Amino acid sequence: MDFFSDIIHSNIGWFHFITAIVSMLSGTIVLLNTKGTTFHKRIGYIYVVSMLLLNVSSFLIVNFGGFSLFHFFAIVSLVSVIGGMLPTIKKRNNWFPYHFYFMNWSVVGLYCAFWAEVGTRFVGNMKQFWWMVALATFVTAMIGSIIINKQAKKLNLR
């Protein structure tokens, strides 16, 4: 790569990293706090904007020779964020469960993506990488499922 490409790629990488941190923090706050409050809505909008920026920036990062599994999951992430926001915009009958599940699973997916990112950055052996990521993702999804189901029960969604 030439000097200019290195700077652009580095800036995109930093932007992606910063939006990931903002998404993880705001998503966690929304996931663990009372739903429907002004605080929830404000932090939720920060989450949505940071997630949109995070996912768009992911398509500007090319690893593994082009479109990869990470890009596929960025599309899944975009669908879950949009799937969570559309019900709040349209406010049709029974909109809240759709918003609740899409947005909460979006946060859990973000944490699963975190483990995949950690695996690609810090584990050299791909055989270990996939097992470690699979285990971390499974544990993260299980913990997320417990939290989501507990909240759904409180909100009479289950």
C-alpha atoms as a PDB file:
ATOM      1  CA  MET A   1       0.000   0.000   0.000  1.00  0.00           C
ATOM      2  CA  ASP A   2       1.095   3.530  -0.596  1.00  0.00           C
ATOM      3  CA  PHE A   3       1.232   6.246   2.083  1.00  0.00           C
ATOM      4  CA  PHE A   4      -2.184   7.747   1.199  1.00  0.00           C
ATOM      5  CA  SER A   5      -3.929   4.366   1.339  1.00  0.00           C
ATOM      6  CA  ASP A   6      -2.362   3.640   4.728  1.00  0.00           C
ATOM      7  CA  ILE A   7      -3.694   6.928   6.144  1.00  0.00           C
ATOM      8  CA  ILE A   8      -7.215   6.383   4.775  1.00  0.00           C
ATOM      9  CA  HIS A   9      -7.334   2.788   5.962  1.00  0.00           C
ATOM     10  CA  SER A  10      -5.989   3.769   9.364  1.00  0.00           C
ATOM     11  CA  ASN A  11      -8.534   6.583   9.753  1.00  0.00           C
ATOM     12  CA  ILE A  12     -11.373   4.277   8.762  1.00  0.00           C
ATOM     13  CA  GLY A  13     -10.094   1.696  11.235  1.00  0.00           C
ATOM     14  CA  TRP A  14      -9.987   4.257  14.041  1.00  0.00           C
ATOM     15  CA  PHE A  15     -13.450   5.557  13.134  1.00  0.00           C
ATOM     16  CA  HIS A  16     -14.776   1.992  13.154  1.00  0.00           C
ATOM     17  CA  PHE A  17     -13.140   1.330  16.525  1.00  0.00           C
ATOM     18  CA  ILE A  18     -14.536   4.513  18.119  1.00  0.00           C
ATOM     19  CA  THR A  19     -18.073   3.904  16.818  1.00  0.00           C
ATOM     20  CA  ALA A  20     -17.829   0.314  18.097  1.00  0.00           C
ATOM     21  CA  ILE A  21     -16.953   1.528  21.595  1.00  0.00           C
ATOM     22  CA  VAL A  22     -19.782   4.102  21.555  1.00  0.00           C
ATOM     23  CA  SER A  23     -22.185   1.423  20.289  1.00  0.00           C
ATOM     24  CA  MET A  24     -21.151  -1.077  22.943  1.00  0.00           C
ATOM     25  CA  LEU A  25     -21.458   1.441  25.775  1.00  0.00           C
ATOM     26  CA  SER A  26     -24.760   2.971  24.668  1.00  0.00           C
ATOM     27  CA  GLY A  27     -26.197  -0.434  23.740  1.00  0.00           C
ATOM     28  CA  THR A  28     -25.345  -1.861  27.143  1.00  0.00           C
ATOM     29  CA  ILE A  29     -26.895   1.130  28.899  1.00  0.00           C
ATOM     30  CA  VAL A  30     -30.107   0.763  26.889  1.00  0.00           C
ATOM     31  CA  LEU A  31     -30.197  -3.008  27.356  1.00  0.00           C
ATOM     32  CA  LEU A  32     -29.883  -2.798  31.133  1.00  0.00           C
ATOM     33  CA  ASN A  33     -32.079   0.231  31.909  1.00  0.00           C
ATOM     34  CA  THR A  34     -35.804   0.919  32.054  1.00  0.00           C
ATOM     35  CA  LYS A  35     -37.480   0.992  28.654  1.00  0.00           C
ATOM     36  CA  GLY A  36     -39.539   3.903  27.314  1.00  0.00           C
ATOM     37  CA  THR A  37     -37.997   6.671  29.415  1.00  0.00           C
ATOM     38  CA  THR A  38     -36.536   9.868  27.985  1.00  0.00           C
ATOM     39  CA  PHE A  39     -33.105   8.566  29.041  1.00  0.00           C
ATOM     40  CA  HIS A  40     -33.731   5.311  27.147  1.00  0.00           C
ATOM     41  CA  LYS A  41     -34.734   7.196  24.004  1.00  0.00           C
ATOM     42  CA  ARG A  42     -31.751   9.566  24.088  1.00  0.00           C
ATOM     43  CA  ILE A  43     -29.179   6.844  24.672  1.00  0.00           C
ATOM     44  CA  GLY A  44     -31.042   4.649  22.167  1.00  0.00           C
ATOM     45  CA  TYR A  45     -30.631   7.260  19.428  1.00  0.00           C
ATOM     46  CA  ILE A  46     -26.913   7.432  20.202  1.00  0.00           C
ATOM     47  CA  TYR A  47     -26.831   3.642  19.858  1.00  0.00           C
ATOM     48  CA  VAL A  48     -28.694   3.669  16.538  1.00  0.00           C
ATOM     49  CA  VAL A  49     -26.551   6.392  14.965  1.00  0.00           C
ATOM     50  CA  SER A  50     -23.312   4.820  16.185  1.00  0.00           C
ATOM     51  CA  MET A  51     -24.410   1.400  14.912  1.00  0.00           C
ATOM     52  CA  LEU A  52     -25.307   2.786  11.498  1.00  0.00           C
ATOM     53  CA  LEU A  53     -21.913   4.494  11.284  1.00  0.00           C
ATOM     54  CA  LEU A  54     -20.170   1.375  12.576  1.00  0.00           C
ATOM     55  CA  ASN A  55     -21.822  -0.852   9.984  1.00  0.00           C
ATOM     56  CA  VAL A  56     -21.236   1.543   7.095  1.00  0.00           C
ATOM     57  CA  SER A  57     -17.578   1.901   8.062  1.00  0.00           C
ATOM     58  CA  SER A  58     -17.219  -1.883   8.150  1.00  0.00           C
ATOM     59  CA  PHE A  59     -17.796  -2.002   4.401  1.00  0.00           C
ATOM     60  CA  LEU A  60     -14.817   0.312   3.890  1.00  0.00           C
ATOM     61  CA  ILE A  61     -12.522  -2.141   5.663  1.00  0.00           C
ATOM     62  CA  VAL A  62     -11.376  -4.951   3.404  1.00  0.00           C
ATOM     63  CA  ASN A  63      -9.819  -8.019   4.973  1.00  0.00           C
ATOM     64  CA  PHE A  64      -9.545 -11.559   3.678  1.00  0.00           C
ATOM     65  CA  GLY A  65      -9.409 -10.365   0.045  1.00  0.00           C
ATOM     66  CA  GLY A  66     -12.817  -8.655  -0.222  1.00  0.00           C
ATOM     67  CA  PHE A  67     -16.353  -9.347   0.976  1.00  0.00           C
ATOM     68  CA  SER A  68     -16.120 -11.625   3.996  1.00  0.00           C
ATOM     69  CA  LEU A  69     -18.179 -13.241   6.706  1.00  0.00           C
ATOM     70  CA  PHE A  70     -17.721 -10.035   8.744  1.00  0.00           C
ATOM     71  CA  HIS A  71     -19.409  -8.026   5.987  1.00  0.00           C
ATOM     72  CA  PHE A  72     -22.277 -10.507   5.908  1.00  0.00           C
ATOM     73  CA  PHE A  73     -22.816 -10.028   9.643  1.00  0.00           C
ATOM     74  CA  ALA A  74     -22.630  -6.240   9.189  1.00  0.00           C
ATOM     75  CA  ILE A  75     -25.629  -6.613   6.863  1.00  0.00           C
ATOM     76  CA  VAL A  76     -27.407  -8.743   9.496  1.00  0.00           C
ATOM     77  CA  SER A  77     -26.614  -6.042  12.047  1.00  0.00           C
ATOM     78  CA  LEU A  78     -28.010  -3.300   9.804  1.00  0.00           C
ATOM     79  CA  VAL A  79     -31.190  -5.317   9.295  1.00  0.00           C
ATOM     80  CA  SER A  80     -31.609  -5.794  13.047  1.00  0.00           C
ATOM     81  CA  VAL A  81     -31.112  -2.080  13.812  1.00  0.00           C
ATOM     82  CA  ILE A  82     -33.496  -1.042  11.037  1.00  0.00           C
ATOM     83  CA  GLY A  83     -35.912  -3.807  12.094  1.00  0.00           C
ATOM     84  CA  GLY A  84     -35.846  -2.370  15.596  1.00  0.00           C
ATOM     85  CA  MET A  85     -36.347   1.236  14.557  1.00  0.00           C
ATOM     86  CA  LEU A  86     -39.095   0.855  11.944  1.00  0.00           C
ATOM     87  CA  PRO A  87     -41.713  -0.229  14.507  1.00  0.00           C
ATOM     88  CA  THR A  88     -40.949   2.860  16.630  1.00  0.00           C
ATOM     89  CA  ILE A  89     -41.359   5.125  13.619  1.00  0.00           C
ATOM     90  CA  LYS A  90     -44.569   3.530  12.332  1.00  0.00           C
ATOM     91  CA  LYS A  91     -46.097   2.836  15.796  1.00  0.00           C
ATOM     92  CA  ARG A  92     -48.578   0.286  14.523  1.00  0.00           C
ATOM     93  CA  ASN A  93     -50.412  -2.110  16.809  1.00  0.00           C
ATOM     94  CA  ASN A  94     -48.101  -4.340  18.804  1.00  0.00           C
ATOM     95  CA  TRP A  95     -44.957  -2.436  17.703  1.00  0.00           C
ATOM     96  CA  PHE A  96     -43.080  -2.691  20.991  1.00  0.00           C
ATOM     97  CA  PRO A  97     -42.187  -6.427  20.958  1.00  0.00           C
ATOM     98  CA  TYR A  98     -40.585  -6.045  17.518  1.00  0.00           C
ATOM     99  CA  HIS A  99     -38.579  -3.052  18.676  1.00  0.00           C
ATOM    100  CA  PHE A 100     -37.621  -4.765  21.924  1.00  0.00           C
ATOM    101  CA  TYR A 101     -36.360  -8.016  20.401  1.00  0.00           C
ATOM    102  CA  PHE A 102     -34.645  -6.555  17.326  1.00  0.00           C
ATOM    103  CA  MET A 103     -32.780  -3.901  19.310  1.00  0.00           C
ATOM    104  CA  ASN A 104     -31.800  -6.170  22.190  1.00  0.00           C
ATOM    105  CA  TRP A 105     -30.505  -8.862  19.860  1.00  0.00           C
ATOM    106  CA  SER A 106     -28.682  -6.146  17.941  1.00  0.00           C
ATOM    107  CA  VAL A 107     -26.720  -5.364  21.110  1.00  0.00           C
ATOM    108  CA  VAL A 108     -26.014  -9.048  21.746  1.00  0.00           C
ATOM    109  CA  GLY A 109     -24.855  -9.413  18.137  1.00  0.00           C
ATOM    110  CA  LEU A 110     -22.541  -6.449  18.629  1.00  0.00           C
ATOM    111  CA  TYR A 111     -20.915  -8.206  21.583  1.00  0.00           C
ATOM    112  CA  CYS A 112     -20.583 -11.395  19.535  1.00  0.00           C
ATOM    113  CA  ALA A 113     -18.884  -9.333  16.802  1.00  0.00           C
ATOM    114  CA  PHE A 114     -16.550  -7.955  19.469  1.00  0.00           C
ATOM    115  CA  TRP A 115     -15.310 -11.472  20.217  1.00  0.00           C
ATOM    116  CA  ALA A 116     -14.778 -12.127  16.507  1.00  0.00           C
ATOM    117  CA  GLU A 117     -12.776  -8.902  16.244  1.00  0.00           C
ATOM    118  CA  VAL A 118     -10.681  -9.810  19.281  1.00  0.00           C
ATOM    119  CA  GLY A 119     -10.054 -13.218  17.745  1.00  0.00           C
ATOM    120  CA  THR A 120      -8.864 -11.792  14.426  1.00  0.00           C
ATOM    121  CA  ARG A 121      -6.586  -9.242  16.124  1.00  0.00           C
ATOM    122  CA  PHE A 122      -4.988 -11.297  18.869  1.00  0.00           C
ATOM    123  CA  VAL A 123      -5.086 -14.977  17.925  1.00  0.00           C
ATOM    124  CA  GLY A 124      -2.662 -16.135  15.288  1.00  0.00           C
ATOM    125  CA  ASN A 125      -3.777 -19.732  14.789  1.00  0.00           C
ATOM    126  CA  MET A 126      -7.038 -19.817  12.790  1.00  0.00           C
ATOM    127  CA  LYS A 127      -7.934 -23.250  14.222  1.00  0.00           C
ATOM    128  CA  GLN A 128      -7.928 -21.814  17.750  1.00  0.00           C
ATOM    129  CA  PHE A 129      -9.554 -18.608  16.535  1.00  0.00           C
ATOM    130  CA  TRP A 130     -12.752 -20.266  15.298  1.00  0.00           C
ATOM    131  CA  TRP A 131     -13.181 -22.417  18.408  1.00  0.00           C
ATOM    132  CA  MET A 132     -12.522 -19.473  20.707  1.00  0.00           C
ATOM    133  CA  VAL A 133     -14.880 -17.197  18.794  1.00  0.00           C
ATOM    134  CA  ALA A 134     -17.567 -19.885  18.654  1.00  0.00           C
ATOM    135  CA  LEU A 135     -17.320 -20.474  22.399  1.00  0.00           C
ATOM    136  CA  ALA A 136     -17.256 -16.746  23.257  1.00  0.00           C
ATOM    137  CA  THR A 137     -20.166 -16.092  20.893  1.00  0.00           C
ATOM    138  CA  PHE A 138     -22.197 -18.962  22.362  1.00  0.00           C
ATOM    139  CA  VAL A 139     -21.604 -17.781  25.939  1.00  0.00           C
ATOM    140  CA  THR A 140     -22.372 -14.174  24.973  1.00  0.00           C
ATOM    141  CA  ALA A 141     -25.581 -15.205  23.201  1.00  0.00           C
ATOM    142  CA  MET A 142     -26.646 -17.309  26.200  1.00  0.00           C
ATOM    143  CA  ILE A 143     -26.046 -14.461  28.659  1.00  0.00           C
ATOM    144  CA  GLY A 144     -27.841 -12.069  26.279  1.00  0.00           C
ATOM    145  CA  SER A 145     -30.739 -14.489  25.985  1.00  0.00           C
ATOM    146  CA  ILE A 146     -31.079 -14.697  29.768  1.00  0.00           C
ATOM    147  CA  ILE A 147     -31.063 -10.893  30.126  1.00  0.00           C
ATOM    148  CA  ILE A 148     -33.500 -10.385  27.246  1.00  0.00           C
ATOM    149  CA  ASN A 149     -35.884 -13.091  28.473  1.00  0.00           C
ATOM    150  CA  LYS A 150     -35.819 -11.693  32.014  1.00  0.00           C
ATOM    151  CA  GLN A 151     -36.702  -8.220  30.728  1.00  0.00           C
ATOM    152  CA  ALA A 152     -39.319  -9.599  28.340  1.00  0.00           C
ATOM    153  CA  LYS A 153     -40.985 -11.364  31.261  1.00  0.00           C
ATOM    154  CA  LYS A 154     -41.024  -8.108  33.292  1.00  0.00           C
ATOM    155  CA  LEU A 155     -42.598  -6.332  30.332  1.00  0.00           C
ATOM    156  CA  ASN A 156     -45.152  -9.124  29.752  1.00  0.00           C
ATOM    157  CA  LEU A 157     -43.735  -9.937  26.333  1.00  0.00           C
ATOM    158  CA  ARG A 158     -43.324 -13.643  27.141  1.00  0.00           C
END
